[in-house]
Amino acid sequence: MLVFVDEPKNIKIVRTAPEEGTRTNLGKINKSVLEIPAELREKLDEVEISETEQIVELMRRASDARLLAEVGDFPAICQRMYEYYEHTADPVERRWILGSVLEILRRVRRLERQQAGGGE
């Protein structure tokens, strides 16, 4: 039986045999890539590969859902950050917030120009 252990940057794959009391670490899947490495595939049988692919797909769907939730929350987050900036932030926090806003605005404007055919 495979056990999938969630780590901060990886999914660790462990084969367990409870009746024998053994655990074998097979490898890890990097969460930033979400691909089964070739060296891990070689250690798995067809059923285990299928199960692992299902876990990878689950992780992809979860990541997409989190991003969509962030997109939906973005206007409210911006409003909260503005209120914090206006009423609470110290000078260092204000520079941090302002720098982030200016950088994302610069990047969005550049992308919009590129997509409109205006180049950089």
Protein backbone atom coordinates (compact mmCIF):
# COMPACT_ATOMS: atom_id res chain seq x y z
CA MET A 1 0.00 0.00 0.00
CA LEU A 2 1.24 3.49 -0.80
CA VAL A 3 1.07 6.32 1.70
CA PHE A 4 1.30 9.90 0.45
CA VAL A 5 2.88 12.21 3.02
CA ASP A 6 2.24 15.93 2.56
CA GLU A 7 5.39 17.95 3.18
CA PRO A 8 5.79 21.72 2.70
CA LYS A 9 7.43 21.42 -0.76
CA ASN A 10 6.93 17.77 -1.68
CA ILE A 11 4.64 14.79 -1.57
CA LYS A 12 6.63 11.92 -0.10
CA ILE A 13 5.69 8.44 -1.37
CA VAL A 14 6.07 5.56 1.09
CA ARG A 15 5.25 1.91 0.46
CA THR A 16 3.94 0.23 3.61
CA ALA A 17 3.35 -3.38 4.43
CA PRO A 18 1.42 -3.23 7.72
CA GLU A 19 1.38 -7.01 8.09
CA GLU A 20 5.18 -7.00 7.95
CA GLY A 21 5.60 -3.72 9.79
CA THR A 22 7.76 -2.24 7.03
CA ARG A 23 7.91 1.20 5.40
CA THR A 24 9.97 1.94 2.32
CA ASN A 25 10.56 5.53 1.21
CA LEU A 26 10.20 5.48 -2.58
CA GLY A 27 10.74 9.12 -3.43
CA LYS A 28 9.15 12.54 -3.62
CA ILE A 29 7.05 14.58 -6.01
CA ASN A 30 7.93 18.27 -6.04
CA LYS A 31 4.75 20.31 -5.48
CA SER A 32 5.97 23.13 -7.72
CA VAL A 33 6.22 20.71 -10.66
CA LEU A 34 3.57 18.08 -9.84
CA GLU A 35 5.11 15.47 -12.11
CA ILE A 36 6.11 11.94 -11.15
CA PRO A 37 9.90 11.72 -11.55
CA ALA A 38 11.17 8.90 -13.79
CA GLU A 39 13.19 7.36 -10.95
CA LEU A 40 10.03 7.15 -8.83
CA ARG A 41 7.99 5.67 -11.70
CA GLU A 42 10.54 2.87 -12.01
CA LYS A 43 9.83 1.83 -8.41
CA LEU A 44 6.05 1.64 -8.85
CA ASP A 45 3.83 -0.99 -10.42
CA GLU A 46 0.99 -0.04 -12.80
CA VAL A 47 -1.64 0.18 -10.05
CA GLU A 48 0.66 2.35 -7.91
CA ILE A 49 1.43 4.61 -10.87
CA SER A 50 -2.29 5.09 -11.47
CA GLU A 51 -2.90 5.84 -7.79
CA THR A 52 0.01 8.30 -7.72
CA GLU A 53 -1.25 10.03 -10.88
CA GLN A 54 -4.64 10.45 -9.18
CA ILE A 55 -2.96 12.08 -6.18
CA VAL A 56 -1.03 14.41 -8.51
CA GLU A 57 -4.28 15.36 -10.26
CA LEU A 58 -5.95 15.97 -6.89
CA MET A 59 -3.09 18.29 -5.93
CA ARG A 60 -3.41 20.16 -9.26
CA ARG A 61 -7.15 20.64 -8.78
CA ALA A 62 -6.61 21.83 -5.20
CA SER A 63 -3.97 24.32 -6.37
CA ASP A 64 -6.30 25.62 -9.09
CA ALA A 65 -9.14 25.97 -6.56
CA ARG A 66 -6.91 27.93 -4.15
CA LEU A 67 -5.84 30.27 -6.96
CA LEU A 68 -9.44 30.82 -8.06
CA ALA A 69 -10.40 31.60 -4.45
CA GLU A 70 -7.56 34.13 -4.28
CA VAL A 71 -8.71 35.73 -7.53
CA GLY A 72 -12.23 36.02 -6.12
CA ASP A 73 -10.89 37.53 -2.88
CA PHE A 74 -8.48 39.91 -4.60
CA PRO A 75 -10.67 43.05 -4.56
CA ALA A 76 -11.44 42.59 -0.86
CA ILE A 77 -7.75 41.97 -0.11
CA CYS A 78 -6.84 45.16 -1.97
CA GLN A 79 -9.39 47.11 0.05
CA ARG A 80 -8.11 45.69 3.36
CA MET A 81 -4.52 46.49 2.36
CA TYR A 82 -5.52 50.07 1.49
CA GLU A 83 -7.28 50.51 4.82
CA TYR A 84 -4.24 49.11 6.62
CA TYR A 85 -1.97 51.37 4.56
CA GLU A 86 -4.11 54.42 5.34
CA HIS A 87 -4.73 53.85 9.06
CA THR A 88 -2.14 51.49 10.54
CA ALA A 89 0.96 50.87 8.44
CA ASP A 90 4.31 52.20 9.57
CA PRO A 91 6.70 53.70 6.97
CA VAL A 92 8.42 50.37 6.23
CA GLU A 93 5.09 48.57 5.75
CA ARG A 94 3.87 51.41 3.52
CA ARG A 95 6.97 51.05 1.31
CA TRP A 96 6.42 47.28 1.15
CA ILE A 97 2.76 47.65 0.15
CA LEU A 98 3.42 50.48 -2.28
CA GLY A 99 6.30 48.60 -3.92
CA SER A 100 4.09 45.55 -4.43
CA VAL A 101 1.26 47.61 -5.90
CA LEU A 102 3.55 49.49 -8.26
CA GLU A 103 5.31 46.31 -9.41
CA ILE A 104 2.09 44.42 -10.19
CA LEU A 105 0.66 47.48 -11.93
CA ARG A 106 3.83 47.81 -14.06
CA ARG A 107 3.66 44.12 -15.02
CA VAL A 108 -0.07 44.22 -15.81
CA ARG A 109 0.34 47.32 -17.98
CA ARG A 110 3.24 45.70 -19.86
CA LEU A 111 1.18 42.58 -20.48
CA GLU A 112 -1.78 44.61 -21.66
CA ARG A 113 0.45 46.53 -24.13
CA GLN A 114 1.94 43.27 -25.43
CA GLN A 115 -1.48 41.70 -25.88
CA ALA A 116 -2.71 44.80 -27.69
CA GLY A 117 0.25 44.53 -30.07
CA GLY A 118 2.07 47.53 -28.66
CA GLY A 119 5.23 45.70 -27.65
CA GLU A 120 7.15 46.83 -24.58
